[in-house]
Every structure is written in structure tokens, then in C-alpha cells.
Amino acid sequence: MKRIVLALACFALTGCQAMMYGTASDLNDLRIGMSKSEVLAVMGTPMLSEANADTNEEILIYKRMRHVITWGPKPYHVTLRGGKVVSYGEQK
């Protein structure tokens, strides 16, 4: 019985994180060439952003759950060059 309660508690807490962070499936709606405003409409506000004037790149960092049932969020990036998406995916 204790194992069932523990398993249900873990499942519930993981589900709460997915509601808080969202899932990586949001990235399926991104496309190369999208503008920053289009990315923000799909992904929302990033948890962090970085910019490099030398390369004219801006990197938006998001935390997302890989799946609804995962142990913790992972960082994902969206890289814009000249205001357009040039890459996105799980941050390595």
C-alpha cells in the first residue's frame, strides 16, 4: 500500500512540474526563420536570454519537461540570428 501511495505521489508531483514548465513538445511548433515575437507567442517568456553582438545572435533559454512523466525539467534553447530562428532544441 505504501508503494502505491508513493508512486501516486511521485506521479502527481511530476505532473505538477509539467504544468509549471510545459513540455518540450512546444518546440514542435517552432520553425527555422520565425521571428522572436513568433517564438515568444509559442514558447512564452524565456527563463534566461543571452546575446552576442559579434555574431548578431540571441539565445533564449527555456526549461521544459521532456515528457509529462519525467523527473525534472531540462534546458532548451532557441537561437536567433538577425532576429530569425536559426536553431532550437535541447541544450547540450
N, C-alpha and C. Protein backbone atom coordinates (compact mmCIF):
# COMPACT_ATOMS: atom_id res chain seq x y z
N MET A 1 0.82 -1.19 0.00
CA MET A 1 0.00 0.00 0.00
C MET A 1 0.87 1.27 0.00
N LYS A 2 1.94 1.22 0.82
CA LYS A 2 2.83 2.39 0.88
C LYS A 2 3.48 2.65 -0.47
N ARG A 3 3.82 1.60 -1.20
CA ARG A 3 4.43 1.76 -2.52
C ARG A 3 3.47 2.40 -3.49
N ILE A 4 2.22 2.04 -3.42
CA ILE A 4 1.21 2.63 -4.31
C ILE A 4 1.05 4.12 -4.02
N VAL A 5 0.98 4.46 -2.75
CA VAL A 5 0.85 5.87 -2.35
C VAL A 5 2.08 6.65 -2.80
N LEU A 6 3.25 6.08 -2.61
CA LEU A 6 4.49 6.74 -3.04
C LEU A 6 4.52 6.93 -4.55
N ALA A 7 4.13 5.91 -5.28
CA ALA A 7 4.10 6.00 -6.75
C ALA A 7 3.11 7.07 -7.21
N LEU A 8 1.95 7.13 -6.59
CA LEU A 8 0.96 8.15 -6.95
C LEU A 8 1.45 9.55 -6.61
N ALA A 9 2.13 9.68 -5.48
CA ALA A 9 2.68 10.99 -5.10
C ALA A 9 3.73 11.44 -6.10
N CYS A 10 4.62 10.53 -6.50
CA CYS A 10 5.65 10.87 -7.50
C CYS A 10 5.00 11.28 -8.82
N PHE A 11 4.00 10.55 -9.24
CA PHE A 11 3.30 10.86 -10.48
C PHE A 11 2.64 12.24 -10.40
N ALA A 12 2.01 12.53 -9.27
CA ALA A 12 1.33 13.82 -9.10
C ALA A 12 2.33 14.97 -9.11
N LEU A 13 3.46 14.81 -8.42
CA LEU A 13 4.46 15.87 -8.39
C LEU A 13 5.08 16.09 -9.75
N THR A 14 5.32 15.04 -10.49
CA THR A 14 5.87 15.16 -11.84
C THR A 14 4.87 15.88 -12.74
N GLY A 15 3.62 15.54 -12.63
CA GLY A 15 2.58 16.20 -13.42
C GLY A 15 2.51 17.68 -13.12
N CYS A 16 2.72 18.05 -11.85
CA CYS A 16 2.71 19.46 -11.48
C CYS A 16 3.85 20.21 -12.15
N GLN A 17 5.02 19.58 -12.25
CA GLN A 17 6.14 20.22 -12.91
C GLN A 17 5.85 20.44 -14.39
N ALA A 18 5.19 19.48 -15.02
CA ALA A 18 4.84 19.63 -16.43
C ALA A 18 3.89 20.81 -16.61
N MET A 19 2.99 21.00 -15.66
CA MET A 19 2.08 22.15 -15.75
C MET A 19 2.85 23.45 -15.56
N MET A 20 3.85 23.43 -14.67
CA MET A 20 4.61 24.64 -14.39
C MET A 20 5.53 25.01 -15.56
N TYR A 21 6.28 24.04 -16.07
CA TYR A 21 7.29 24.30 -17.09
C TYR A 21 6.79 24.08 -18.52
N GLY A 22 5.77 23.28 -18.69
CA GLY A 22 5.36 22.88 -20.03
C GLY A 22 6.23 21.72 -20.49
N THR A 23 5.94 21.18 -21.64
CA THR A 23 6.73 20.07 -22.16
C THR A 23 7.49 20.49 -23.41
N ALA A 24 8.49 19.71 -23.75
CA ALA A 24 9.33 20.01 -24.91
C ALA A 24 8.55 19.93 -26.21
N SER A 25 7.34 19.38 -26.17
CA SER A 25 6.54 19.30 -27.40
C SER A 25 6.21 20.69 -27.94
N ASP A 26 6.35 21.73 -27.10
CA ASP A 26 6.16 23.11 -27.58
C ASP A 26 7.11 23.41 -28.74
N LEU A 27 8.29 22.79 -28.72
CA LEU A 27 9.27 23.05 -29.76
C LEU A 27 8.81 22.56 -31.13
N ASN A 28 7.85 21.65 -31.16
CA ASN A 28 7.32 21.16 -32.43
C ASN A 28 6.63 22.27 -33.23
N ASP A 29 6.24 23.34 -32.54
CA ASP A 29 5.56 24.45 -33.22
C ASP A 29 6.53 25.51 -33.72
N LEU A 30 7.82 25.33 -33.45
CA LEU A 30 8.83 26.29 -33.93
C LEU A 30 9.28 25.91 -35.33
N ARG A 31 9.73 26.90 -36.07
CA ARG A 31 10.25 26.70 -37.42
C ARG A 31 11.46 27.61 -37.64
N ILE A 32 12.41 27.14 -38.41
CA ILE A 32 13.55 27.98 -38.80
C ILE A 32 12.99 29.19 -39.56
N GLY A 33 13.53 30.36 -39.23
CA GLY A 33 13.09 31.59 -39.90
C GLY A 33 12.02 32.37 -39.16
N MET A 34 11.48 31.80 -38.08
CA MET A 34 10.47 32.52 -37.29
C MET A 34 11.11 33.75 -36.64
N SER A 35 10.30 34.76 -36.40
CA SER A 35 10.77 35.96 -35.71
C SER A 35 10.73 35.74 -34.20
N LYS A 36 11.39 36.61 -33.45
CA LYS A 36 11.39 36.50 -31.99
C LYS A 36 9.98 36.60 -31.44
N SER A 37 9.18 37.49 -32.00
CA SER A 37 7.81 37.64 -31.49
C SER A 37 6.98 36.37 -31.74
N GLU A 38 7.23 35.69 -32.84
CA GLU A 38 6.54 34.42 -33.10
C GLU A 38 6.99 33.35 -32.11
N VAL A 39 8.29 33.32 -31.79
CA VAL A 39 8.80 32.37 -30.80
C VAL A 39 8.17 32.63 -29.44
N LEU A 40 8.11 33.90 -29.05
CA LEU A 40 7.53 34.24 -27.75
C LEU A 40 6.05 33.88 -27.70
N ALA A 41 5.35 33.98 -28.81
CA ALA A 41 3.94 33.60 -28.84
C ALA A 41 3.77 32.10 -28.62
N VAL A 42 4.72 31.30 -29.12
CA VAL A 42 4.66 29.84 -28.96
C VAL A 42 5.19 29.41 -27.60
N MET A 43 6.34 29.92 -27.22
CA MET A 43 7.06 29.42 -26.06
C MET A 43 6.85 30.23 -24.78
N GLY A 44 6.43 31.48 -24.91
CA GLY A 44 6.31 32.33 -23.73
C GLY A 44 7.64 33.00 -23.41
N THR A 45 7.71 33.59 -22.24
CA THR A 45 8.91 34.30 -21.81
C THR A 45 10.00 33.31 -21.43
N PRO A 46 11.22 33.51 -21.94
CA PRO A 46 12.31 32.60 -21.59
C PRO A 46 12.75 32.80 -20.14
N MET A 47 13.36 31.77 -19.55
CA MET A 47 13.88 31.92 -18.19
C MET A 47 15.19 32.69 -18.19
N LEU A 48 15.85 32.72 -19.36
CA LEU A 48 17.13 33.41 -19.50
C LEU A 48 17.35 33.73 -20.96
N SER A 49 18.06 34.81 -21.22
CA SER A 49 18.44 35.10 -22.61
C SER A 49 19.88 35.59 -22.62
N GLU A 50 20.57 35.29 -23.72
CA GLU A 50 21.96 35.70 -23.90
C GLU A 50 22.06 36.37 -25.27
N ALA A 51 22.99 37.29 -25.41
CA ALA A 51 23.18 37.95 -26.70
C ALA A 51 24.66 38.09 -26.99
N ASN A 52 25.01 38.05 -28.28
CA ASN A 52 26.39 38.21 -28.71
C ASN A 52 26.39 39.17 -29.90
N ALA A 53 26.89 40.38 -29.70
CA ALA A 53 26.89 41.39 -30.76
C ALA A 53 27.81 41.01 -31.91
N ASP A 54 28.88 40.26 -31.63
CA ASP A 54 29.83 39.88 -32.68
C ASP A 54 29.18 38.94 -33.70
N THR A 55 28.34 38.04 -33.24
CA THR A 55 27.70 37.08 -34.14
C THR A 55 26.27 37.47 -34.49
N ASN A 56 25.77 38.56 -33.86
CA ASN A 56 24.39 39.02 -34.05
C ASN A 56 23.39 37.93 -33.66
N GLU A 57 23.76 37.17 -32.60
CA GLU A 57 22.90 36.09 -32.14
C GLU A 57 22.28 36.41 -30.78
N GLU A 58 21.09 35.91 -30.60
CA GLU A 58 20.41 35.97 -29.32
C GLU A 58 19.94 34.54 -29.02
N ILE A 59 20.21 34.10 -27.80
CA ILE A 59 19.82 32.74 -27.40
C ILE A 59 18.80 32.85 -26.28
N LEU A 60 17.64 32.26 -26.50
CA LEU A 60 16.59 32.23 -25.49
C LEU A 60 16.62 30.85 -24.85
N ILE A 61 16.67 30.81 -23.53
CA ILE A 61 16.76 29.55 -22.79
C ILE A 61 15.43 29.32 -22.07
N TYR A 62 14.88 28.12 -22.26
CA TYR A 62 13.63 27.71 -21.63
C TYR A 62 13.85 26.44 -20.83
N LYS A 63 13.10 26.27 -19.76
CA LYS A 63 13.07 24.98 -19.05
C LYS A 63 11.77 24.30 -19.44
N ARG A 64 11.90 23.05 -19.85
CA ARG A 64 10.73 22.26 -20.23
C ARG A 64 10.93 20.83 -19.74
N MET A 65 9.84 20.16 -19.49
CA MET A 65 9.88 18.74 -19.17
C MET A 65 9.98 18.00 -20.50
N ARG A 66 10.83 17.00 -20.59
CA ARG A 66 10.96 16.24 -21.83
C ARG A 66 9.64 15.56 -22.16
N HIS A 67 9.00 14.97 -21.15
CA HIS A 67 7.70 14.33 -21.27
C HIS A 67 6.90 14.71 -20.03
N VAL A 68 5.63 14.41 -20.01
CA VAL A 68 4.82 14.70 -18.82
C VAL A 68 5.36 13.94 -17.62
N ILE A 69 5.79 12.70 -17.84
CA ILE A 69 6.32 11.90 -16.74
C ILE A 69 7.84 11.84 -16.87
N THR A 70 8.51 12.81 -16.27
CA THR A 70 9.96 12.90 -16.25
C THR A 70 10.35 13.42 -14.88
N TRP A 71 11.59 13.21 -14.47
CA TRP A 71 11.99 13.59 -13.12
C TRP A 71 12.30 15.06 -12.97
N GLY A 72 12.60 15.76 -14.00
CA GLY A 72 12.90 17.18 -13.83
C GLY A 72 12.99 17.88 -15.16
N PRO A 73 12.87 19.21 -15.14
CA PRO A 73 12.95 19.97 -16.38
C PRO A 73 14.37 20.02 -16.92
N LYS A 74 14.47 20.18 -18.23
CA LYS A 74 15.76 20.29 -18.91
C LYS A 74 15.79 21.63 -19.64
N PRO A 75 16.99 22.18 -19.86
CA PRO A 75 17.08 23.44 -20.60
C PRO A 75 17.00 23.20 -22.10
N TYR A 76 16.26 24.07 -22.76
CA TYR A 76 16.13 24.07 -24.22
C TYR A 76 16.48 25.46 -24.73
N HIS A 77 17.08 25.55 -25.90
CA HIS A 77 17.48 26.84 -26.45
C HIS A 77 16.76 27.13 -27.76
N VAL A 78 16.61 28.40 -28.02
CA VAL A 78 16.18 28.89 -29.33
C VAL A 78 17.21 29.96 -29.71
N THR A 79 17.92 29.74 -30.80
CA THR A 79 18.95 30.68 -31.24
C THR A 79 18.43 31.49 -32.41
N LEU A 80 18.52 32.81 -32.25
CA LEU A 80 18.09 33.73 -33.30
C LEU A 80 19.33 34.45 -33.83
N ARG A 81 19.42 34.60 -35.12
CA ARG A 81 20.49 35.38 -35.75
C ARG A 81 19.82 36.40 -36.64
N GLY A 82 20.12 37.66 -36.39
CA GLY A 82 19.47 38.71 -37.15
C GLY A 82 17.96 38.74 -36.91
N GLY A 83 17.53 38.30 -35.73
CA GLY A 83 16.11 38.34 -35.37
C GLY A 83 15.30 37.16 -35.87
N LYS A 84 15.95 36.17 -36.50
CA LYS A 84 15.24 35.00 -37.03
C LYS A 84 15.81 33.71 -36.43
N VAL A 85 14.96 32.72 -36.21
CA VAL A 85 15.39 31.45 -35.63
C VAL A 85 16.32 30.72 -36.61
N VAL A 86 17.50 30.32 -36.10
CA VAL A 86 18.42 29.53 -36.89
C VAL A 86 18.62 28.14 -36.31
N SER A 87 18.29 27.94 -35.02
CA SER A 87 18.35 26.60 -34.42
C SER A 87 17.55 26.59 -33.12
N TYR A 88 17.15 25.38 -32.73
CA TYR A 88 16.45 25.19 -31.45
C TYR A 88 16.55 23.74 -31.05
N GLY A 89 16.42 23.48 -29.77
CA GLY A 89 16.48 22.11 -29.28
C GLY A 89 16.97 22.04 -27.86
N GLU A 90 17.24 20.81 -27.41
CA GLU A 90 17.72 20.61 -26.05
C GLU A 90 19.12 21.16 -25.92
N GLN A 91 19.38 21.89 -24.86
CA GLN A 91 20.69 22.47 -24.63
C GLN A 91 21.66 21.38 -24.22
N LYS A 92 22.79 21.33 -24.85
CA LYS A 92 23.79 20.30 -24.53
C LYS A 92 24.79 20.81 -23.54
